[in-house]
Amino acid sequence: MISIINYSVHMDASLYMQKQKKIADEQAILEDVFNII
């Protein structure tokens, strides 16, 4: 039972990190576009 909880927490954490990385990548792209302009 504990392993299932740990697994779901790990999955939530990795999904959260992926989302944060995606947001950071998009912000970096926007900054590049503004720098070009």
N, C-alpha and C. Protein backbone atom coordinates (compact mmCIF):
# COMPACT_ATOMS: atom_id res chain seq x y z
N MET A 1 0.83 -1.20 0.00
CA MET A 1 0.00 0.00 0.00
C MET A 1 0.87 1.25 0.00
N ILE A 2 1.90 1.23 0.86
CA ILE A 2 2.78 2.40 0.92
C ILE A 2 3.45 2.63 -0.43
N SER A 3 3.83 1.53 -1.09
CA SER A 3 4.52 1.68 -2.37
C SER A 3 3.61 2.34 -3.40
N ILE A 4 2.31 2.04 -3.34
CA ILE A 4 1.37 2.66 -4.29
C ILE A 4 1.32 4.17 -4.04
N ILE A 5 1.29 4.55 -2.77
CA ILE A 5 1.26 5.98 -2.44
C ILE A 5 2.55 6.64 -2.91
N ASN A 6 3.67 6.01 -2.63
CA ASN A 6 4.95 6.57 -3.06
C ASN A 6 4.99 6.70 -4.58
N TYR A 7 4.45 5.70 -5.27
CA TYR A 7 4.45 5.73 -6.74
C TYR A 7 3.64 6.91 -7.25
N SER A 8 2.43 7.11 -6.68
CA SER A 8 1.59 8.20 -7.16
C SER A 8 2.22 9.55 -6.85
N VAL A 9 2.85 9.66 -5.68
CA VAL A 9 3.53 10.91 -5.35
C VAL A 9 4.66 11.17 -6.33
N HIS A 10 5.42 10.12 -6.64
CA HIS A 10 6.52 10.26 -7.58
C HIS A 10 6.00 10.68 -8.95
N MET A 11 4.90 10.07 -9.41
CA MET A 11 4.34 10.43 -10.71
C MET A 11 3.87 11.88 -10.70
N ASP A 12 3.19 12.29 -9.63
CA ASP A 12 2.75 13.68 -9.54
C ASP A 12 3.94 14.62 -9.59
N ALA A 13 5.01 14.28 -8.88
CA ALA A 13 6.19 15.13 -8.84
C ALA A 13 6.83 15.23 -10.21
N SER A 14 6.94 14.11 -10.92
CA SER A 14 7.58 14.14 -12.23
C SER A 14 6.71 14.89 -13.23
N LEU A 15 5.39 14.72 -13.15
CA LEU A 15 4.52 15.49 -14.04
C LEU A 15 4.64 16.98 -13.74
N TYR A 16 4.71 17.33 -12.46
CA TYR A 16 4.86 18.73 -12.06
C TYR A 16 6.16 19.30 -12.60
N MET A 17 7.25 18.53 -12.49
CA MET A 17 8.53 19.00 -12.99
C MET A 17 8.49 19.18 -14.50
N GLN A 18 7.84 18.24 -15.20
CA GLN A 18 7.73 18.37 -16.65
C GLN A 18 6.97 19.64 -17.01
N LYS A 19 5.89 19.92 -16.26
CA LYS A 19 5.10 21.11 -16.54
C LYS A 19 5.91 22.37 -16.28
N GLN A 20 6.66 22.38 -15.17
CA GLN A 20 7.50 23.54 -14.86
C GLN A 20 8.56 23.74 -15.94
N LYS A 21 9.15 22.64 -16.43
CA LYS A 21 10.17 22.74 -17.46
C LYS A 21 9.56 23.27 -18.75
N LYS A 22 8.34 22.82 -19.08
CA LYS A 22 7.67 23.28 -20.28
C LYS A 22 7.40 24.77 -20.19
N ILE A 23 6.94 25.23 -19.02
CA ILE A 23 6.69 26.66 -18.82
C ILE A 23 8.00 27.44 -18.96
N ALA A 24 9.07 26.94 -18.37
CA ALA A 24 10.36 27.62 -18.44
C ALA A 24 10.84 27.69 -19.88
N ASP A 25 10.68 26.60 -20.64
CA ASP A 25 11.09 26.59 -22.04
C ASP A 25 10.29 27.62 -22.83
N GLU A 26 8.98 27.69 -22.59
CA GLU A 26 8.16 28.64 -23.32
C GLU A 26 8.56 30.07 -22.98
N GLN A 27 8.87 30.34 -21.72
CA GLN A 27 9.31 31.68 -21.33
C GLN A 27 10.63 32.02 -22.00
N ALA A 28 11.53 31.04 -22.10
CA ALA A 28 12.82 31.28 -22.74
C ALA A 28 12.61 31.60 -24.22
N ILE A 29 11.69 30.89 -24.87
CA ILE A 29 11.41 31.14 -26.28
C ILE A 29 10.86 32.56 -26.44
N LEU A 30 9.93 32.95 -25.57
CA LEU A 30 9.37 34.29 -25.65
C LEU A 30 10.46 35.34 -25.46
N GLU A 31 11.36 35.12 -24.52
CA GLU A 31 12.45 36.07 -24.29
C GLU A 31 13.34 36.16 -25.53
N ASP A 32 13.61 35.04 -26.17
CA ASP A 32 14.41 35.05 -27.39
C ASP A 32 13.72 35.87 -28.47
N VAL A 33 12.41 35.69 -28.61
CA VAL A 33 11.66 36.43 -29.63
C VAL A 33 11.74 37.92 -29.35
N PHE A 34 11.55 38.32 -28.09
CA PHE A 34 11.62 39.74 -27.75
C PHE A 34 13.03 40.29 -27.97
N ASN A 35 14.04 39.48 -27.71
CA ASN A 35 15.41 39.94 -27.92
C ASN A 35 15.68 40.16 -29.40
N ILE A 36 15.10 39.31 -30.26
CA ILE A 36 15.29 39.47 -31.70
C ILE A 36 14.64 40.77 -32.16
N ILE A 37 13.44 41.04 -31.64
CA ILE A 37 12.77 42.29 -31.99
C ILE A 37 13.57 43.46 -31.41
